[in-house]
Protein backbone atom coordinates (compact mmCIF):
# COMPACT_ATOMS: atom_id res chain seq x y z
CA UNK A 1 103.95 27.45 244.20
CA UNK A 2 103.33 27.54 240.71
CA UNK A 3 99.57 26.36 241.35
CA UNK A 4 99.43 28.77 244.51
CA UNK A 5 100.25 32.05 242.15
CA UNK A 6 98.33 31.13 239.47
CA UNK A 7 95.43 30.81 241.64
CA UNK A 8 95.98 34.21 243.30
CA UNK A 9 96.47 35.38 239.92
CA UNK A 10 92.80 34.28 238.64
CA UNK A 11 90.37 37.24 237.91
CA UNK A 12 87.62 37.41 240.32
CA UNK A 13 84.51 35.99 238.12
CA UNK A 14 80.83 35.00 239.69
CA UNK A 15 80.91 31.38 240.75
CA UNK A 16 77.24 31.10 241.23
CA UNK A 17 77.16 29.28 244.36
CA UNK A 18 74.50 29.64 246.66
CA UNK A 19 75.80 30.28 250.01
CA UNK A 20 72.33 28.08 251.64
CA UNK A 21 73.50 25.29 249.84
CA UNK A 22 77.13 24.99 251.18
CA UNK A 23 75.45 25.36 255.25
CA UNK A 24 74.39 21.77 256.60
CA UNK A 25 71.00 21.32 257.91
CA UNK A 26 72.02 21.90 261.93
CA UNK A 27 71.13 24.38 263.96
CA UNK A 28 73.84 26.86 264.85
CA UNK A 29 76.32 29.57 264.56
CA UNK A 30 76.48 30.37 261.22
CA UNK A 31 79.54 32.81 259.19
CA UNK A 32 79.91 33.51 255.47
CA UNK A 33 83.19 35.11 254.12
CA UNK A 34 83.49 35.89 250.06
CA UNK A 35 86.81 36.26 249.31
CA UNK A 36 88.36 36.93 253.11
CA UNK A 37 85.44 39.24 253.16
CA UNK A 38 82.74 38.59 256.26
CA UNK A 39 79.41 38.67 254.62
CA UNK A 40 76.39 39.78 257.58
CA UNK A 41 73.39 38.84 255.06
CA UNK A 42 73.87 34.89 255.19
CA UNK A 43 75.34 35.18 259.05
CA UNK A 44 74.15 34.42 262.37
CA UNK A 45 77.71 34.32 264.49
CA UNK A 46 76.29 33.93 267.28
CA UNK A 47 79.10 33.47 270.20
CA UNK A 48 81.28 33.55 267.70
CA UNK A 49 83.37 37.01 267.06
CA UNK A 50 84.42 38.35 263.50
CA UNK A 51 87.51 40.78 264.80
CA UNK A 52 90.76 42.47 263.19
CA UNK A 53 93.70 39.32 264.05
CA UNK A 54 97.26 39.32 263.94
CA UNK A 55 98.99 36.51 262.45
CA UNK A 56 101.26 35.07 265.24
CA UNK A 57 103.02 32.62 263.35
CA UNK A 58 106.49 31.92 261.56
CA UNK A 59 104.89 29.82 259.45
CA UNK A 60 105.52 31.08 255.84
CA UNK A 61 101.94 31.20 254.52
CA UNK A 62 100.41 31.52 257.55
CA UNK A 63 102.02 34.73 258.61
CA UNK A 64 99.93 36.23 255.66
CA UNK A 65 96.69 35.76 257.14
CA UNK A 66 96.09 38.69 259.36
CA UNK A 67 93.28 41.14 259.32
CA UNK A 68 89.17 40.82 259.60
CA UNK A 69 88.80 36.96 260.76
CA UNK A 70 86.85 34.91 263.31
CA UNK A 71 87.66 34.16 267.06
CA UNK A 72 85.66 31.93 269.61
CA UNK A 73 86.51 31.82 273.28
CA UNK A 74 84.80 29.89 275.63
CA UNK A 75 84.36 30.32 279.13
CA UNK A 76 84.79 27.44 281.96
CA UNK A 77 82.31 24.55 280.97
CA UNK A 78 80.61 26.54 278.00
CA UNK A 79 79.62 24.96 275.17
CA UNK A 80 79.40 25.83 271.09
CA UNK A 81 78.48 22.94 268.79
CA UNK A 82 77.51 23.10 265.08
CA UNK A 83 79.27 25.82 264.16
CA UNK A 84 79.54 26.44 260.72
CA UNK A 85 82.39 28.53 258.47
CA UNK A 86 81.43 28.80 254.56
CA UNK A 87 84.38 30.57 252.44
CA UNK A 88 83.47 31.44 249.45
CA UNK A 89 86.53 32.60 246.34
CA UNK A 90 85.32 34.24 243.07
CA UNK A 91 88.91 34.45 242.17
CA UNK A 92 92.38 36.48 243.81
CA UNK A 93 93.65 35.68 247.10
CA UNK A 94 92.20 36.06 250.28
CA UNK A 95 93.66 35.55 254.14
CA UNK A 96 91.40 34.89 256.96
CA UNK A 97 92.82 34.05 260.32
CA UNK A 98 90.68 32.22 263.30
CA UNK A 99 91.37 31.65 266.76
CA UNK A 100 89.83 29.29 268.86
CA UNK A 101 90.03 29.14 272.38
CA UNK A 102 88.52 26.71 274.80
CA UNK A 103 88.88 27.08 278.72
CA UNK A 104 88.65 24.38 281.26
CA UNK A 105 85.51 21.33 280.04
CA UNK A 106 84.40 23.88 276.88
CA UNK A 107 83.02 22.06 274.04
CA UNK A 108 82.86 23.24 270.72
CA UNK A 109 82.62 21.97 267.29
CA UNK A 110 83.39 23.62 264.23
CA UNK A 111 82.53 22.38 260.62
CA UNK A 112 84.25 24.74 257.96
CA UNK A 113 83.99 24.56 254.10
CA UNK A 114 85.91 26.22 250.86
CA UNK A 115 84.11 26.69 247.66
CA UNK A 116 84.65 28.63 244.67
CA UNK A 117 87.95 29.48 243.22
CA UNK A 118 91.11 31.53 243.71
CA UNK A 119 93.88 30.76 246.68
CA UNK A 120 91.95 30.89 249.77
CA UNK A 121 95.17 31.30 252.40
CA UNK A 122 93.80 30.54 255.93
CA UNK A 123 96.04 30.38 259.57
CA UNK A 124 94.33 28.52 262.49
CA UNK A 125 95.74 28.90 266.20
CA UNK A 126 93.92 26.51 268.87
CA UNK A 127 94.44 26.52 272.56
CA UNK A 128 92.50 23.61 274.41
CA UNK A 129 92.66 24.02 278.19
CA UNK A 130 91.94 21.17 280.84
CA UNK A 131 89.75 19.09 279.75
CA UNK A 132 88.46 20.68 276.94
CA UNK A 133 87.20 19.37 273.78
CA UNK A 134 86.76 20.12 270.10
CA UNK A 135 86.07 18.47 267.17
CA UNK A 136 86.98 20.10 263.64
CA UNK A 137 85.59 19.04 260.15
CA UNK A 138 86.43 20.68 257.28
CA UNK A 139 85.72 20.15 253.45
CA UNK A 140 87.68 21.22 250.21
CA UNK A 141 85.52 21.51 247.57
CA UNK A 142 86.49 24.45 245.58
CA UNK A 143 86.49 23.80 241.63
CA UNK A 144 89.69 25.21 240.99
CA UNK A 145 92.52 27.66 242.49
CA UNK A 146 94.39 26.33 245.92
CA UNK A 147 93.43 26.27 249.57
CA UNK A 148 96.76 26.24 251.70
CA UNK A 149 95.89 26.08 255.39
CA UNK A 150 98.16 26.34 258.66
CA UNK A 151 97.19 24.83 261.95
CA UNK A 152 98.63 25.61 265.24
CA UNK A 153 97.33 23.54 268.24
CA UNK A 154 98.17 23.56 271.97
CA UNK A 155 96.60 20.43 274.07
CA UNK A 156 96.43 20.89 277.68
CA UNK A 157 95.36 18.22 280.36
CA UNK A 158 93.04 15.97 279.82
CA UNK A 159 91.94 17.80 276.47
CA UNK A 160 91.16 16.44 273.32
CA UNK A 161 91.22 17.56 269.96
CA UNK A 162 90.25 15.70 266.30
CA UNK A 163 90.28 17.35 263.31
CA UNK A 164 89.12 15.69 259.91
CA UNK A 165 89.63 17.10 256.70
CA UNK A 166 88.11 15.67 253.25
CA UNK A 167 89.85 17.09 249.90
CA UNK A 168 87.12 15.98 247.10
CA UNK A 169 87.11 19.19 244.94
CA UNK A 170 89.28 20.10 241.87
CA UNK A 171 91.92 22.24 243.65
CA UNK A 172 95.19 22.17 244.82
CA UNK A 173 96.02 21.82 248.30
CA UNK A 174 98.31 22.27 251.24
CA UNK A 175 97.22 21.35 254.86
CA UNK A 176 99.92 22.15 257.58
CA UNK A 177 99.40 21.07 260.99
CA UNK A 178 101.65 21.43 264.20
CA UNK A 179 99.96 19.68 267.24
CA UNK A 180 101.62 20.33 270.75
CA UNK A 181 100.24 17.90 273.42
CA UNK A 182 101.55 19.79 276.75
CA UNK A 183 99.24 18.43 279.52
CA UNK A 184 99.59 15.10 281.02
CA UNK A 185 96.86 12.78 279.10
CA UNK A 186 96.45 15.54 276.32
CA UNK A 187 95.05 13.85 273.11
CA UNK A 188 95.43 15.41 269.56
CA UNK A 189 94.10 13.51 266.53
CA UNK A 190 94.28 14.85 262.65
CA UNK A 191 93.86 13.10 259.81
CA UNK A 192 91.44 12.72 256.94
CA UNK A 193 91.39 11.65 253.34
CA UNK A 194 92.93 13.95 250.01
CA UNK A 195 91.08 12.46 246.50
CA UNK A 196 92.71 13.62 243.87
CA UNK A 197 91.64 13.27 239.80
CA UNK A 198 93.24 15.13 236.33
CA UNK A 199 96.38 16.50 237.24
CA UNK A 200 95.81 17.98 240.77
CA UNK A 201 98.14 17.48 243.72
CA UNK A 202 97.09 17.97 247.28
CA UNK A 203 98.89 17.08 250.19
CA UNK A 204 99.13 17.24 254.07
CA UNK A 205 102.05 17.67 256.15
CA UNK A 206 101.29 17.17 260.22
CA UNK A 207 103.92 17.09 263.19
CA UNK A 208 102.69 16.03 267.13
CA UNK A 209 104.88 17.00 269.57
CA UNK A 210 104.33 15.29 272.90
CA UNK A 211 105.61 17.20 276.00
CA UNK A 212 104.18 16.04 278.72
CA UNK A 213 103.14 12.19 280.44
CA UNK A 214 100.43 9.92 279.16
CA UNK A 215 99.36 11.92 276.18
CA UNK A 216 97.85 10.25 273.01
CA UNK A 217 98.00 11.13 269.41
CA UNK A 218 96.33 9.82 266.42
CA UNK A 219 97.20 10.56 262.30
CA UNK A 220 95.20 8.90 260.30
CA UNK A 221 95.04 9.58 256.70
CA UNK A 222 94.08 7.78 253.21
CA UNK A 223 94.93 9.36 249.53
CA UNK A 224 92.99 8.38 246.46
CA UNK A 225 94.87 9.53 243.53
CA UNK A 226 93.33 9.09 239.41
CA UNK A 227 94.67 9.97 236.28
CA UNK A 228 98.29 12.10 236.48
CA UNK A 229 97.20 13.70 239.72
CA UNK A 230 99.45 13.34 243.21
CA UNK A 231 98.42 13.11 246.73
CA UNK A 232 101.44 13.52 249.07
CA UNK A 233 101.26 12.89 253.03
CA UNK A 234 103.81 13.34 255.52
CA UNK A 235 103.19 12.72 259.22
CA UNK A 236 105.40 13.68 262.45
CA UNK A 237 105.55 12.23 265.49
CA UNK A 238 108.27 13.89 268.36
CA UNK A 239 108.13 12.51 272.26
CA UNK A 240 110.24 14.79 274.15
CA UNK A 241 112.35 13.09 277.17
CA UNK A 242 110.34 13.79 279.53
CA UNK A 243 107.00 12.39 277.94
CA UNK A 244 106.67 8.89 279.52
CA UNK A 245 103.28 6.69 278.66
CA UNK A 246 103.26 8.81 275.58
CA UNK A 247 100.96 6.33 272.86
CA UNK A 248 101.34 7.28 269.16
CA UNK A 249 100.12 5.86 266.18
CA UNK A 250 100.42 7.03 262.32
CA UNK A 251 98.24 5.16 259.49
CA UNK A 252 98.82 6.63 255.91
CA UNK A 253 97.72 4.90 253.06
CA UNK A 254 97.33 5.44 249.51
CA UNK A 255 95.05 4.26 246.66
CA UNK A 256 95.99 4.16 242.80
CA UNK A 257 93.04 4.29 240.72
CA UNK A 258 95.62 3.92 237.73
CA UNK A 259 99.64 3.32 237.34
CA UNK A 260 99.60 6.92 236.02
CA UNK A 261 98.76 8.74 239.30
CA UNK A 262 101.28 8.88 242.65
CA UNK A 263 101.19 8.71 246.10
CA UNK A 264 103.85 9.91 248.70
CA UNK A 265 103.52 8.59 251.97
CA UNK A 266 105.68 9.86 255.15
CA UNK A 267 105.97 8.58 258.16
CA UNK A 268 108.09 9.69 261.11
CA UNK A 269 108.69 9.04 264.69
CA UNK A 270 111.32 11.09 267.22
CA UNK A 271 111.52 9.53 270.57
CA UNK A 272 113.53 10.78 273.07
CA UNK A 273 111.38 8.37 275.92
CA UNK A 274 112.12 5.21 276.80
CA UNK A 275 108.33 3.98 277.96
CA UNK A 276 106.25 5.17 275.59
CA UNK A 277 103.64 2.90 272.83
CA UNK A 278 104.21 4.73 268.93
CA UNK A 279 103.62 2.59 265.39
CA UNK A 280 103.18 3.61 262.20
CA UNK A 281 101.95 1.88 258.86
CA UNK A 282 102.11 3.57 255.32
CA UNK A 283 100.95 1.41 252.08
CA UNK A 284 100.67 2.27 248.81
CA UNK A 285 98.31 0.00 246.20
CA UNK A 286 95.59 -0.63 243.78
CA UNK A 287 91.74 -2.09 244.21
CA UNK A 288 92.11 -5.72 245.48
CA UNK A 289 91.32 -7.93 242.09
CA UNK A 290 89.93 -10.84 244.19
CA UNK A 291 87.31 -8.38 245.83
CA UNK A 292 86.40 -6.88 242.37
CA UNK A 293 86.21 -10.52 240.71
CA UNK A 294 83.58 -11.58 243.86
CA UNK A 295 81.74 -7.92 243.88
CA UNK A 296 81.42 -8.73 240.39
CA UNK A 297 80.46 -12.70 239.98
CA UNK A 298 77.73 -11.05 242.68
CA UNK A 299 76.22 -8.88 239.79
CA UNK A 300 77.66 -5.84 240.52
CA UNK A 301 79.20 -3.28 237.39
CA UNK A 302 82.52 -2.96 237.24
CA UNK A 303 82.19 0.68 238.35
CA UNK A 304 79.63 0.26 241.09
CA UNK A 305 82.22 -2.65 242.29
CA UNK A 306 85.34 0.10 242.28
CA UNK A 307 82.66 2.78 243.72
CA UNK A 308 82.12 0.65 246.84
CA UNK A 309 85.79 -0.78 247.34
CA UNK A 310 87.05 2.82 246.95
CA UNK A 311 84.48 4.12 249.38
CA UNK A 312 84.96 1.53 251.80
CA UNK A 313 88.72 2.63 251.82
CA UNK A 314 88.17 6.20 252.67
CA UNK A 315 84.95 5.68 255.10
CA UNK A 316 87.24 4.81 257.84
CA UNK A 317 89.18 8.11 257.74
CA UNK A 318 85.77 9.95 257.95
CA UNK A 319 84.36 7.65 260.85
CA UNK A 320 86.03 10.08 263.68
CA UNK A 321 83.21 12.91 262.82
CA UNK A 322 81.15 13.06 265.45
CA UNK A 323 77.65 14.46 263.97
CA UNK A 324 75.86 12.00 262.40
CA UNK A 325 74.39 15.05 259.81
CA UNK A 326 78.11 16.25 259.27
CA UNK A 327 80.00 12.69 258.66
CA UNK A 328 77.19 11.98 256.37
CA UNK A 329 77.53 15.74 254.59
CA UNK A 330 81.37 14.29 253.99
CA UNK A 331 80.54 10.61 252.85
CA UNK A 332 78.22 12.41 250.04
CA UNK A 333 81.46 14.51 248.94
CA UNK A 334 83.49 11.89 248.83
CA UNK A 335 80.18 9.41 246.64
CA UNK A 336 80.09 12.92 244.25
CA UNK A 337 84.33 12.76 243.64
CA UNK A 338 83.42 9.42 243.34
CA UNK A 339 81.14 9.07 240.47
CA UNK A 340 83.36 11.64 238.33
CA UNK A 341 86.93 10.23 238.86
CA UNK A 342 85.64 6.36 238.37
């Protein structure tokens, strides 16, 4: 809370960021928000609407996000892909709500990027009806400040939601996810990688609740901590009494680049059905010394060898991103972080 308050009280300043450099080179709708305000000069919304919204959540931070925000409502079998939302902060605080409603068999993909400084607070509400599919990719690249994200989703019958997050900036962050799989055969996945250095702190807490049969969920998170930083991951799966044949899996792994850093992992399962397949795993360790020795014995210097192993550790968390251009951009963000941390 101290980091959040400090970010909210920072004075606004010109951060010298060119918005064009934050949009990926792909065709599709683009929206730019500066300090929480829509900037039409660098935007082409297409089917995405910028409207006044009310926060419909009891989450303490999410309830602050009301006012001007963006929404996307797709009808049956419609598609809107490569939607890019860029948020630039110049200091102070900003609150933006977002709502995505996908009707039966609708398809969408969204890429969000956070840059600059200050406190960026966001509430995103998602609703996927029967057979709808949504791919979300979120980059946290702010140099300083704090980013708090509240994600609330309902996944209907045979619908699919995949959300991947990358924290590769210098800010503190908090990702809160509440996913409800209430349709038969629904699929929900939320994961990513948090990369911390210095005295930075990043955390994610995600709860997935299954309320119908044959649901599937995946939570795959990776954390890399350097210096005196701390990364925390909490993943929870709740299986209601009638949610038979649920398949829930959690994989939480942490990598310490120095022993002064901290990684906290907390997997949880709460199961009230008797015909399920649920598993969780949590490990924290250092780079494999034998693997480092092998790479160095092949002429690779120590810094490069550490970078290769760390990149491989993070890669599987980003592999679920569907579009090649987006996945490569996330990998490049992680590489830039490694260049400064190693």
